């Protein structure tokens, strides 16, 4: 994996994520996928008929 550069909306460099850190994240994702689960999903609304 290549390193990832993160920029803000103005185009200035904020952070560089190294390839070693990306490999660690990938290993964590394989061992515990629930860690990266999105919790901000909207609950499904049920349609009520009267």
N, C-alpha and C. Protein backbone atom coordinates (compact mmCIF):
# COMPACT_ATOMS: atom_id res chain seq x y z
N UNK A 1 0.84 -1.18 0.00
CA UNK A 1 0.00 0.00 0.00
C UNK A 1 0.89 1.24 0.00
N UNK A 2 0.39 2.26 -0.64
CA UNK A 2 1.10 3.53 -0.67
C UNK A 2 0.59 4.43 0.45
N UNK A 3 1.42 5.40 0.83
CA UNK A 3 0.99 6.33 1.87
C UNK A 3 -0.13 7.21 1.34
N UNK A 4 -0.96 7.70 2.25
CA UNK A 4 -2.11 8.51 1.89
C UNK A 4 -1.91 9.91 2.47
N UNK A 5 -2.11 10.91 1.64
CA UNK A 5 -2.00 12.30 2.09
C UNK A 5 -3.40 12.87 2.22
N UNK A 6 -3.66 13.52 3.35
CA UNK A 6 -4.97 14.07 3.63
C UNK A 6 -4.86 15.60 3.63
N UNK A 7 -5.72 16.22 2.82
CA UNK A 7 -5.72 17.68 2.68
C UNK A 7 -7.02 18.24 3.22
N UNK A 8 -6.97 19.50 3.69
CA UNK A 8 -8.20 20.15 4.11
C UNK A 8 -8.84 20.82 2.90
N UNK A 9 -9.97 21.50 3.11
CA UNK A 9 -10.70 22.07 1.98
C UNK A 9 -9.97 23.24 1.31
N UNK A 10 -8.95 23.76 1.97
CA UNK A 10 -8.18 24.86 1.39
C UNK A 10 -6.98 24.35 0.60
N UNK A 11 -6.74 23.05 0.64
CA UNK A 11 -5.65 22.47 -0.14
C UNK A 11 -4.34 22.33 0.60
N UNK A 12 -4.33 22.63 1.90
CA UNK A 12 -3.09 22.47 2.64
C UNK A 12 -3.03 21.07 3.26
N UNK A 13 -1.85 20.52 3.31
CA UNK A 13 -1.64 19.17 3.82
C UNK A 13 -1.89 19.12 5.31
N UNK A 14 -2.75 18.20 5.75
CA UNK A 14 -3.06 18.08 7.17
C UNK A 14 -2.35 16.89 7.79
N UNK A 15 -2.28 15.76 7.05
CA UNK A 15 -1.79 14.54 7.65
C UNK A 15 -1.29 13.60 6.56
N UNK A 16 -0.28 12.79 6.89
CA UNK A 16 0.20 11.75 6.00
C UNK A 16 0.08 10.43 6.75
N UNK A 17 -0.67 9.49 6.19
CA UNK A 17 -0.85 8.18 6.81
C UNK A 17 0.13 7.24 6.13
N UNK A 18 1.04 6.67 6.91
CA UNK A 18 2.08 5.81 6.36
C UNK A 18 1.52 4.46 5.94
N UNK A 19 2.28 3.76 5.12
CA UNK A 19 1.84 2.44 4.65
C UNK A 19 1.81 1.44 5.79
N UNK A 20 2.70 1.58 6.77
CA UNK A 20 2.69 0.67 7.93
C UNK A 20 1.40 0.84 8.73
N UNK A 21 0.96 2.07 8.91
CA UNK A 21 -0.27 2.33 9.65
C UNK A 21 -1.48 1.79 8.89
N UNK A 22 -1.46 1.90 7.57
CA UNK A 22 -2.55 1.36 6.76
C UNK A 22 -2.61 -0.16 6.87
N UNK A 23 -1.46 -0.81 6.92
CA UNK A 23 -1.42 -2.26 7.07
C UNK A 23 -1.97 -2.68 8.43
N UNK A 24 -1.64 -1.91 9.47
CA UNK A 24 -2.18 -2.20 10.81
C UNK A 24 -3.69 -2.08 10.82
N UNK A 25 -4.22 -1.03 10.18
CA UNK A 25 -5.67 -0.84 10.11
C UNK A 25 -6.34 -1.98 9.36
N UNK A 26 -5.71 -2.44 8.28
CA UNK A 26 -6.28 -3.54 7.51
C UNK A 26 -6.31 -4.82 8.34
N UNK A 27 -5.26 -5.07 9.11
CA UNK A 27 -5.23 -6.25 9.97
C UNK A 27 -6.30 -6.16 11.05
N UNK A 28 -6.50 -4.98 11.63
CA UNK A 28 -7.54 -4.80 12.63
C UNK A 28 -8.93 -5.02 12.03
N UNK A 29 -9.12 -4.56 10.80
CA UNK A 29 -10.41 -4.71 10.15
C UNK A 29 -10.72 -6.18 9.90
N UNK A 30 -9.70 -6.96 9.59
CA UNK A 30 -9.91 -8.40 9.36
C UNK A 30 -10.27 -9.10 10.66
N UNK A 31 -9.60 -8.73 11.75
CA UNK A 31 -9.84 -9.42 13.02
C UNK A 31 -11.11 -8.96 13.71
N UNK A 32 -11.47 -7.67 13.59
CA UNK A 32 -12.69 -7.18 14.24
C UNK A 32 -13.41 -6.18 13.33
N UNK A 33 -14.21 -6.66 12.39
CA UNK A 33 -14.88 -5.77 11.44
C UNK A 33 -15.93 -4.86 12.06
N UNK A 34 -16.44 -5.22 13.24
CA UNK A 34 -17.46 -4.38 13.87
C UNK A 34 -16.89 -3.05 14.36
N UNK A 35 -15.58 -2.95 14.46
CA UNK A 35 -14.94 -1.71 14.92
C UNK A 35 -15.21 -0.58 13.92
N UNK A 36 -15.33 -0.90 12.64
CA UNK A 36 -15.50 0.12 11.62
C UNK A 36 -16.93 0.22 11.12
N UNK A 37 -17.87 -0.32 11.88
CA UNK A 37 -19.27 -0.27 11.48
C UNK A 37 -19.80 1.15 11.64
N UNK A 38 -20.51 1.62 10.66
CA UNK A 38 -21.10 2.96 10.73
C UNK A 38 -22.32 2.91 11.63
N UNK A 39 -22.39 3.83 12.60
CA UNK A 39 -23.51 3.85 13.52
C UNK A 39 -24.47 5.00 13.24
N UNK A 40 -24.17 5.81 12.24
CA UNK A 40 -25.01 6.97 11.98
C UNK A 40 -26.07 6.70 10.91
N UNK A 41 -26.40 5.44 10.70
CA UNK A 41 -27.45 5.11 9.73
C UNK A 41 -28.81 5.50 10.29
N UNK A 42 -29.67 6.00 9.43
CA UNK A 42 -31.00 6.39 9.84
C UNK A 42 -31.85 5.12 9.99
N UNK A 43 -32.64 5.06 11.04
CA UNK A 43 -33.51 3.89 11.18
C UNK A 43 -34.57 3.89 10.09
N UNK A 44 -34.92 2.73 9.62
CA UNK A 44 -35.94 2.65 8.59
C UNK A 44 -37.30 2.98 9.18
N UNK A 45 -38.02 3.83 8.50
CA UNK A 45 -39.35 4.22 9.00
C UNK A 45 -40.39 3.30 8.40
N UNK A 46 -41.26 2.81 9.24
CA UNK A 46 -42.32 1.92 8.76
C UNK A 46 -43.49 2.76 8.29
N UNK A 47 -44.11 2.34 7.21
CA UNK A 47 -45.24 3.05 6.65
C UNK A 47 -46.50 2.54 7.31
N UNK A 48 -47.24 3.48 7.91
CA UNK A 48 -48.50 3.11 8.59
C UNK A 48 -49.67 3.48 7.70
N UNK A 49 -50.57 2.55 7.57
CA UNK A 49 -51.79 2.83 6.79
C UNK A 49 -52.97 2.89 7.75
N UNK A 50 -53.83 3.88 7.55
CA UNK A 50 -55.00 4.05 8.43
C UNK A 50 -56.27 3.68 7.74
